C-alpha atoms as a PDB file:
ATOM      1  CA  MET A   1      44.875  84.391 -68.106  1.00  0.00           C
ATOM      2  CA  LYS A   2      41.641  83.467 -70.097  1.00  0.00           C
ATOM      3  CA  ARG A   3      40.926  82.437 -73.483  1.00  0.00           C
ATOM      4  CA  GLU A   4      38.780  85.819 -73.938  1.00  0.00           C
ATOM      5  CA  ASP A   5      42.211  87.997 -72.807  1.00  0.00           C
ATOM      6  CA  VAL A   6      44.755  86.367 -75.211  1.00  0.00           C
ATOM      7  CA  LYS A   7      41.925  86.873 -78.062  1.00  0.00           C
ATOM      8  CA  ALA A   8      41.970  90.406 -77.084  1.00  0.00           C
ATOM      9  CA  ILE A   9      45.853  90.267 -77.260  1.00  0.00           C
ATOM     10  CA  PHE A  10      46.139  87.985 -80.462  1.00  0.00           C
ATOM     11  CA  PRO A  11      43.243  88.795 -82.330  1.00  0.00           C
ATOM     12  CA  ASN A  12      44.590  86.825 -85.140  1.00  0.00           C
ATOM     13  CA  ALA A  13      45.262  83.777 -83.279  1.00  0.00           C
ATOM     14  CA  THR A  14      43.886  80.426 -84.142  1.00  0.00           C
ATOM     15  CA  ASP A  15      41.954  78.398 -81.235  1.00  0.00           C
ATOM     16  CA  GLU A  16      45.201  76.059 -81.554  1.00  0.00           C
ATOM     17  CA  GLU A  17      47.371  79.022 -80.971  1.00  0.00           C
ATOM     18  CA  ILE A  18      45.166  80.415 -78.258  1.00  0.00           C
ATOM     19  CA  ASP A  19      45.170  76.645 -76.568  1.00  0.00           C
ATOM     20  CA  SER A  20      48.855  76.504 -77.087  1.00  0.00           C
ATOM     21  CA  LEU A  21      49.390  79.397 -74.941  1.00  0.00           C
ATOM     22  CA  LEU A  22      46.983  78.800 -72.518  1.00  0.00           C
ATOM     23  CA  ASN A  23      48.900  75.342 -71.633  1.00  0.00           C
ATOM     24  CA  LYS A  24      51.701  76.507 -71.645  1.00  0.00           C
ATOM     25  CA  VAL A  25      50.848  79.514 -68.844  1.00  0.00           C
ATOM     26  CA  GLY A  26      49.296  76.904 -66.737  1.00  0.00           C
ATOM     27  CA  ASP A  27      52.443  74.435 -66.990  1.00  0.00           C
ATOM     28  CA  GLU A  28      54.405  77.489 -65.629  1.00  0.00           C
ATOM     29  CA  LEU A  29      52.074  78.776 -63.007  1.00  0.00           C
ATOM     30  CA  ASN A  30      51.274  75.624 -61.101  1.00  0.00           C
ATOM     31  CA  PRO A  31      55.136  74.657 -60.811  1.00  0.00           C
ATOM     32  CA  LEU A  32      55.645  78.542 -58.834  1.00  0.00           C
ATOM     33  CA  LYS A  33      52.430  77.596 -56.669  1.00  0.00           C
ATOM     34  CA  ARG A  34      53.889  74.431 -56.069  1.00  0.00           C
ATOM     35  CA  LYS A  35      57.336  76.283 -55.110  1.00  0.00           C
ATOM     36  CA  LEU A  36      55.643  79.309 -53.220  1.00  0.00           C
ATOM     37  CA  LYS A  37      53.984  76.722 -50.966  1.00  0.00           C
ATOM     38  CA  ASN A  38      57.170  74.875 -50.663  1.00  0.00           C
ATOM     39  CA  ALA A  39      58.846  78.271 -50.001  1.00  0.00           C
ATOM     40  CA  GLU A  40      56.640  79.288 -47.121  1.00  0.00           C
ATOM     41  CA  ALA A  41      56.910  75.552 -45.407  1.00  0.00           C
ATOM     42  CA  GLU A  42      60.717  75.809 -45.359  1.00  0.00           C
ATOM     43  CA  ARG A  43      60.445  79.686 -44.086  1.00  0.00           C
ATOM     44  CA  ASP A  44      57.847  78.561 -41.181  1.00  0.00           C
ATOM     45  CA  GLU A  45      61.002  75.663 -40.581  1.00  0.00           C
ATOM     46  CA  THR A  46      63.380  78.435 -40.800  1.00  0.00           C
ATOM     47  CA  LYS A  47      61.520  80.262 -38.289  1.00  0.00           C
ATOM     48  CA  ALA A  48      61.431  77.348 -35.800  1.00  0.00           C
ATOM     49  CA  SER A  49      65.151  76.665 -35.994  1.00  0.00           C
ATOM     50  CA  LEU A  50      65.831  80.125 -34.996  1.00  0.00           C
ATOM     51  CA  VAL A  51      63.537  79.485 -32.034  1.00  0.00           C
ATOM     52  CA  GLU A  52      64.963  76.573 -31.198  1.00  0.00           C
ATOM     53  CA  ALA A  53      68.699  77.609 -31.567  1.00  0.00           C
ATOM     54  CA  GLN A  54      67.783  80.617 -29.490  1.00  0.00           C
ATOM     55  CA  ALA A  55      66.285  77.771 -26.730  1.00  0.00           C
ATOM     56  CA  SER A  56      69.274  75.761 -26.418  1.00  0.00           C
ATOM     57  CA  GLU A  57      71.722  78.805 -25.953  1.00  0.00           C
ATOM     58  CA  SER A  58      70.789  79.068 -22.459  1.00  0.00           C
ATOM     59  CA  ASP A  59      71.302  75.116 -22.072  1.00  0.00           C
ATOM     60  CA  TYR A  60      74.502  75.050 -24.435  1.00  0.00           C
ATOM     61  CA  LYS A  61      75.840  78.200 -21.623  1.00  0.00           C
ATOM     62  CA  ARG A  62      75.290  75.853 -18.589  1.00  0.00           C
ATOM     63  CA  GLN A  63      77.250  72.762 -19.683  1.00  0.00           C
ATOM     64  CA  LEU A  64      80.123  74.890 -20.740  1.00  0.00           C
ATOM     65  CA  ASP A  65      80.293  76.361 -17.598  1.00  0.00           C
ATOM     66  CA  GLU A  66      79.918  73.314 -15.460  1.00  0.00           C
ATOM     67  CA  ALA A  67      82.881  72.539 -17.789  1.00  0.00           C
ATOM     68  CA  ASN A  68      85.105  75.275 -17.427  1.00  0.00           C
ATOM     69  CA  ALA A  69      84.780  75.562 -13.575  1.00  0.00           C
ATOM     70  CA  LYS A  70      86.617  71.971 -13.344  1.00  0.00           C
ATOM     71  CA  LEU A  71      89.132  73.447 -15.618  1.00  0.00           C
ATOM     72  CA  GLU A  72      89.379  76.394 -13.382  1.00  0.00           C
ATOM     73  CA  SER A  73      89.944  75.062 -10.200  1.00  0.00           C
ATOM     74  CA  GLY A  74      93.936  74.038 -11.077  1.00  0.00           C
ATOM     75  CA  MET A  75      94.280  77.815 -12.443  1.00  0.00           C
ATOM     76  CA  SER A  76      95.460  81.082 -10.750  1.00  0.00           C
ATOM     77  CA  ASP A  77      93.181  84.142 -11.353  1.00  0.00           C
ATOM     78  CA  GLU A  78      94.374  85.252 -14.856  1.00  0.00           C
ATOM     79  CA  GLU A  79      94.403  82.197 -15.682  1.00  0.00           C
ATOM     80  CA  ARG A  80      90.583  81.694 -14.906  1.00  0.00           C
ATOM     81  CA  LEU A  81      89.989  85.175 -15.595  1.00  0.00           C
ATOM     82  CA  ALA A  82      91.375  84.731 -19.419  1.00  0.00           C
ATOM     83  CA  GLN A  83      89.802  81.485 -19.606  1.00  0.00           C
ATOM     84  CA  ARG A  84      86.074  82.541 -19.463  1.00  0.00           C
ATOM     85  CA  GLU A  85      86.768  85.644 -21.372  1.00  0.00           C
ATOM     86  CA  LYS A  86      87.918  83.243 -24.216  1.00  0.00           C
ATOM     87  CA  ALA A  87      84.897  80.703 -23.751  1.00  0.00           C
ATOM     88  CA  ALA A  88      82.338  83.870 -23.589  1.00  0.00           C
ATOM     89  CA  GLU A  89      84.203  85.078 -27.064  1.00  0.00           C
ATOM     90  CA  GLU A  90      83.849  81.722 -28.573  1.00  0.00           C
ATOM     91  CA  ARG A  91      80.253  81.196 -27.248  1.00  0.00           C
ATOM     92  CA  GLU A  92      79.147  84.428 -28.286  1.00  0.00           C
ATOM     93  CA  ARG A  93      80.421  84.289 -31.996  1.00  0.00           C
ATOM     94  CA  GLU A  94      78.966  80.928 -32.682  1.00  0.00           C
ATOM     95  CA  PHE A  95      75.364  82.062 -31.748  1.00  0.00           C
ATOM     96  CA  THR A  96      75.973  85.147 -33.564  1.00  0.00           C
ATOM     97  CA  LEU A  97      77.039  83.276 -36.763  1.00  0.00           C
ATOM     98  CA  LYS A  98      74.184  80.767 -36.314  1.00  0.00           C
ATOM     99  CA  SER A  99      71.567  83.178 -35.963  1.00  0.00           C
ATOM    100  CA  ASN A 100      72.884  85.432 -38.820  1.00  0.00           C
ATOM    101  CA  SER A 101      72.865  82.092 -40.904  1.00  0.00           C
ATOM    102  CA  LEU A 102      69.931  81.770 -40.077  1.00  0.00           C
ATOM    103  CA  ASP A 103      68.535  84.860 -41.303  1.00  0.00           C
ATOM    104  CA  ALA A 104      70.244  84.783 -44.308  1.00  0.00           C
ATOM    105  CA  LYS A 105      68.514  81.677 -44.921  1.00  0.00           C
ATOM    106  CA  ALA A 106      64.922  82.818 -44.337  1.00  0.00           C
ATOM    107  CA  ILE A 107      66.216  85.636 -47.160  1.00  0.00           C
ATOM    108  CA  PHE A 108      66.579  82.858 -49.708  1.00  0.00           C
ATOM    109  CA  VAL A 109      63.474  81.025 -48.556  1.00  0.00           C
ATOM    110  CA  GLU A 110      60.970  83.667 -49.036  1.00  0.00           C
ATOM    111  CA  ALA A 111      63.050  84.551 -52.629  1.00  0.00           C
ATOM    112  CA  GLY A 112      61.249  81.803 -54.005  1.00  0.00           C
ATOM    113  CA  CYS A 113      63.788  81.352 -56.850  1.00  0.00           C
ATOM    114  CA  PHE A 114      66.753  79.187 -55.346  1.00  0.00           C
ATOM    115  CA  ASP A 115      66.383  75.307 -54.276  1.00  0.00           C
ATOM    116  CA  GLU A 116      67.812  73.796 -51.213  1.00  0.00           C
ATOM    117  CA  ALA A 117      71.162  72.763 -52.639  1.00  0.00           C
ATOM    118  CA  ASP A 118      71.628  76.469 -53.649  1.00  0.00           C
ATOM    119  CA  ILE A 119      70.273  78.135 -50.505  1.00  0.00           C
ATOM    120  CA  THR A 120      72.954  76.026 -48.587  1.00  0.00           C
ATOM    121  CA  GLY A 121      75.942  77.150 -50.436  1.00  0.00           C
ATOM    122  CA  LEU A 122      74.491  80.779 -50.848  1.00  0.00           C
ATOM    123  CA  VAL A 123      74.167  81.013 -46.881  1.00  0.00           C
ATOM    124  CA  GLU A 124      77.591  79.748 -46.130  1.00  0.00           C
ATOM    125  CA  GLN A 125      78.751  82.522 -49.117  1.00  0.00           C
ATOM    126  CA  VAL A 126      76.993  85.350 -47.705  1.00  0.00           C
ATOM    127  CA  THR A 127      77.163  84.862 -43.917  1.00  0.00           C
ATOM    128  CA  SER A 128      79.535  86.856 -41.616  1.00  0.00           C
ATOM    129  CA  GLU A 129      79.526  88.223 -37.852  1.00  0.00           C
ATOM    130  CA  ASP A 130      77.921  90.830 -39.179  1.00  0.00           C
ATOM    131  CA  GLY A 131      74.633  90.219 -39.285  1.00  0.00           C
ATOM    132  CA  GLU A 132      73.096  93.566 -41.175  1.00  0.00           C
ATOM    133  CA  GLU A 133      76.273  92.792 -43.672  1.00  0.00           C
ATOM    134  CA  THR A 134      74.511  89.042 -44.533  1.00  0.00           C
ATOM    135  CA  LYS A 135      71.467  90.380 -44.807  1.00  0.00           C
ATOM    136  CA  ALA A 136      72.816  92.746 -47.292  1.00  0.00           C
ATOM    137  CA  ARG A 137      74.718  90.470 -49.115  1.00  0.00           C
ATOM    138  CA  ALA A 138      71.757  87.811 -49.685  1.00  0.00           C
ATOM    139  CA  LYS A 139      69.307  90.683 -50.324  1.00  0.00           C
ATOM    140  CA  ARG A 140      71.963  91.600 -53.115  1.00  0.00           C
ATOM    141  CA  ILE A 141      71.711  88.301 -54.669  1.00  0.00           C
ATOM    142  CA  VAL A 142      68.158  88.279 -54.310  1.00  0.00           C
ATOM    143  CA  ASP A 143      68.054  91.450 -56.228  1.00  0.00           C
ATOM    144  CA  THR A 144      70.405  90.150 -58.959  1.00  0.00           C
ATOM    145  CA  VAL A 145      68.963  86.932 -59.630  1.00  0.00           C
ATOM    146  CA  SER A 146      65.062  88.634 -59.894  1.00  0.00           C
ATOM    147  CA  LYS A 147      66.077  91.347 -62.084  1.00  0.00           C
ATOM    148  CA  GLN A 148      67.479  88.976 -64.137  1.00  0.00           C
ATOM    149  CA  ARG A 149      63.971  86.529 -64.957  1.00  0.00           C
ATOM    150  CA  ALA A 150      62.375  90.108 -64.629  1.00  0.00           C
ATOM    151  CA  ALA A 151      64.528  91.180 -67.559  1.00  0.00           C
ATOM    152  CA  VAL A 152      64.015  88.007 -69.477  1.00  0.00           C
ATOM    153  CA  LYS A 153      60.278  87.825 -68.948  1.00  0.00           C
ATOM    154  CA  GLN A 154      59.936  91.352 -69.906  1.00  0.00           C
ATOM    155  CA  GLU A 155      61.769  90.981 -73.311  1.00  0.00           C
ATOM    156  CA  THR A 156      59.842  87.895 -73.987  1.00  0.00           C
ATOM    157  CA  GLU A 157      56.361  89.327 -73.531  1.00  0.00           C
ATOM    158  CA  ASP A 158      57.563  92.331 -76.078  1.00  0.00           C
ATOM    159  CA  ALA A 159      58.557  90.566 -78.158  1.00  0.00           C
ATOM    160  CA  LEU A 160      55.185  88.055 -78.268  1.00  0.00           C
ATOM    161  CA  LEU A 161      53.282  91.324 -78.532  1.00  0.00           C
ATOM    162  CA  ARG A 162      55.197  92.519 -81.535  1.00  0.00           C
ATOM    163  CA  GLY A 163      55.227  89.583 -83.685  1.00  0.00           C
ATOM    164  CA  ASN A 164      52.614  87.178 -82.665  1.00  0.00           C
ATOM    165  CA  PRO A 165      54.079  84.516 -83.177  1.00  0.00           C
ATOM    166  CA  LYS A 166      52.324  81.267 -85.272  1.00  0.00           C
ATOM    167  CA  PRO A 167      53.436  77.568 -84.136  1.00  0.00           C
ATOM    168  CA  ASN A 168      55.260  76.386 -86.534  1.00  0.00           C
ATOM    169  CA  GLY A 169      56.272  72.917 -85.162  1.00  0.00           C
ATOM    170  CA  GLY A 170      60.356  74.123 -84.727  1.00  0.00           C
ATOM    171  CA  GLY A 171      62.703  72.078 -82.387  1.00  0.00           C
ATOM    172  CA  GLY A 172      66.016  74.890 -82.440  1.00  0.00           C
ATOM    173  CA  ASN A 173      69.457  74.255 -84.090  1.00  0.00           C
ATOM    174  CA  SER A 174      71.168  71.420 -84.765  1.00  0.00           C
ATOM    175  CA  ASP A 175      73.489  72.922 -81.612  1.00  0.00           C
ATOM    176  CA  GLY A 176      70.365  72.910 -79.345  1.00  0.00           C
ATOM    177  CA  ALA A 177      69.547  76.888 -79.515  1.00  0.00           C
ATOM    178  CA  PRO A 178      66.021  77.652 -80.195  1.00  0.00           C
ATOM    179  CA  THR A 179      65.147  79.320 -83.539  1.00  0.00           C
ATOM    180  CA  THR A 180      61.706  80.476 -82.490  1.00  0.00           C
ATOM    181  CA  LEU A 181      60.351  82.088 -79.852  1.00  0.00           C
ATOM    182  CA  LYS A 182      57.918  79.329 -78.653  1.00  0.00           C
ATOM    183  CA  ASP A 183      61.179  76.704 -78.460  1.00  0.00           C
ATOM    184  CA  PHE A 184      62.534  79.798 -75.933  1.00  0.00           C
ATOM    185  CA  LEU A 185      59.669  79.776 -74.232  1.00  0.00           C
ATOM    186  CA  ALA A 186      59.748  76.390 -73.520  1.00  0.00           C
ATOM    187  CA  LEU A 187      63.297  76.937 -71.672  1.00  0.00           C
ATOM    188  CA  SER A 188      63.261  77.217 -67.699  1.00  0.00           C
ATOM    189  CA  ASP A 189      64.282  80.343 -66.361  1.00  0.00           C
ATOM    190  CA  ALA A 190      67.631  79.682 -65.893  1.00  0.00           C
ATOM    191  CA  GLU A 191      68.178  78.420 -69.425  1.00  0.00           C
ATOM    192  CA  GLN A 192      66.613  81.661 -70.663  1.00  0.00           C
ATOM    193  CA  ILE A 193      68.782  83.366 -68.533  1.00  0.00           C
ATOM    194  CA  ALA A 194      71.330  81.932 -69.853  1.00  0.00           C
ATOM    195  CA  LEU A 195      71.223  82.390 -73.345  1.00  0.00           C
ATOM    196  CA  LYS A 196      70.315  85.984 -72.874  1.00  0.00           C
ATOM    197  CA  GLU A 197      73.425  86.374 -71.207  1.00  0.00           C
ATOM    198  CA  ALA A 198      75.576  84.876 -73.720  1.00  0.00           C
ATOM    199  CA  ASP A 199      73.526  86.674 -76.619  1.00  0.00           C
ATOM    200  CA  PRO A 200      71.920  89.840 -75.386  1.00  0.00           C
ATOM    201  CA  THR A 201      70.071  90.264 -78.793  1.00  0.00           C
ATOM    202  CA  ILE A 202      68.459  86.515 -79.133  1.00  0.00           C
ATOM    203  CA  LEU A 203      64.686  87.657 -79.058  1.00  0.00           C
ATOM    204  CA  SER A 204      65.158  89.833 -82.194  1.00  0.00           C
ATOM    205  CA  GLN A 205      66.711  86.933 -83.611  1.00  0.00           C
ATOM    206  CA  LEU A 206      63.868  84.625 -83.071  1.00  0.00           C
ATOM    207  CA  LYS A 207      61.298  83.504 -85.601  1.00  0.00           C
END
């Protein structure tokens, strides 16, 4: 956004107000660019981990087969068959869960709105042996968070266009709640969403 763009939206804005808004946009845009770059790096790392997991599967299978062969030497035919079936099922389940968890992590990383600690917990929460269900769960969480962020952003922009607020140096109520739209915009996305959920009419109450 350029100074001329701001002036076109808020023709009565002072130079100080325009500088404040442009600084605000810059402060918010730079962290988003860094977050996107980090997300892309994490996405590539996740894809590399998946390739590595797939490559190591054959080696793991060979080692397990050798161990099972030693156990089977003293078993009956029925016991050896049951042992092999059980080992095959365990290998398949472990690989499936690993592969599905990597798919889920890739979805959360590409969304760009979760930190590493959140992603680890969310991956554990959504991963199952059903690959499609795992991805569907991850996408539902991403969609929900994205809609919340978009709703808060849209209402904030609408309020800006309606009120064209003047900077007045307010800092909020004694309980920490914002009293002006400027105070609200200074909060993080997570704080804005939390306040909006607690009081859906909060934007209409701000100066």
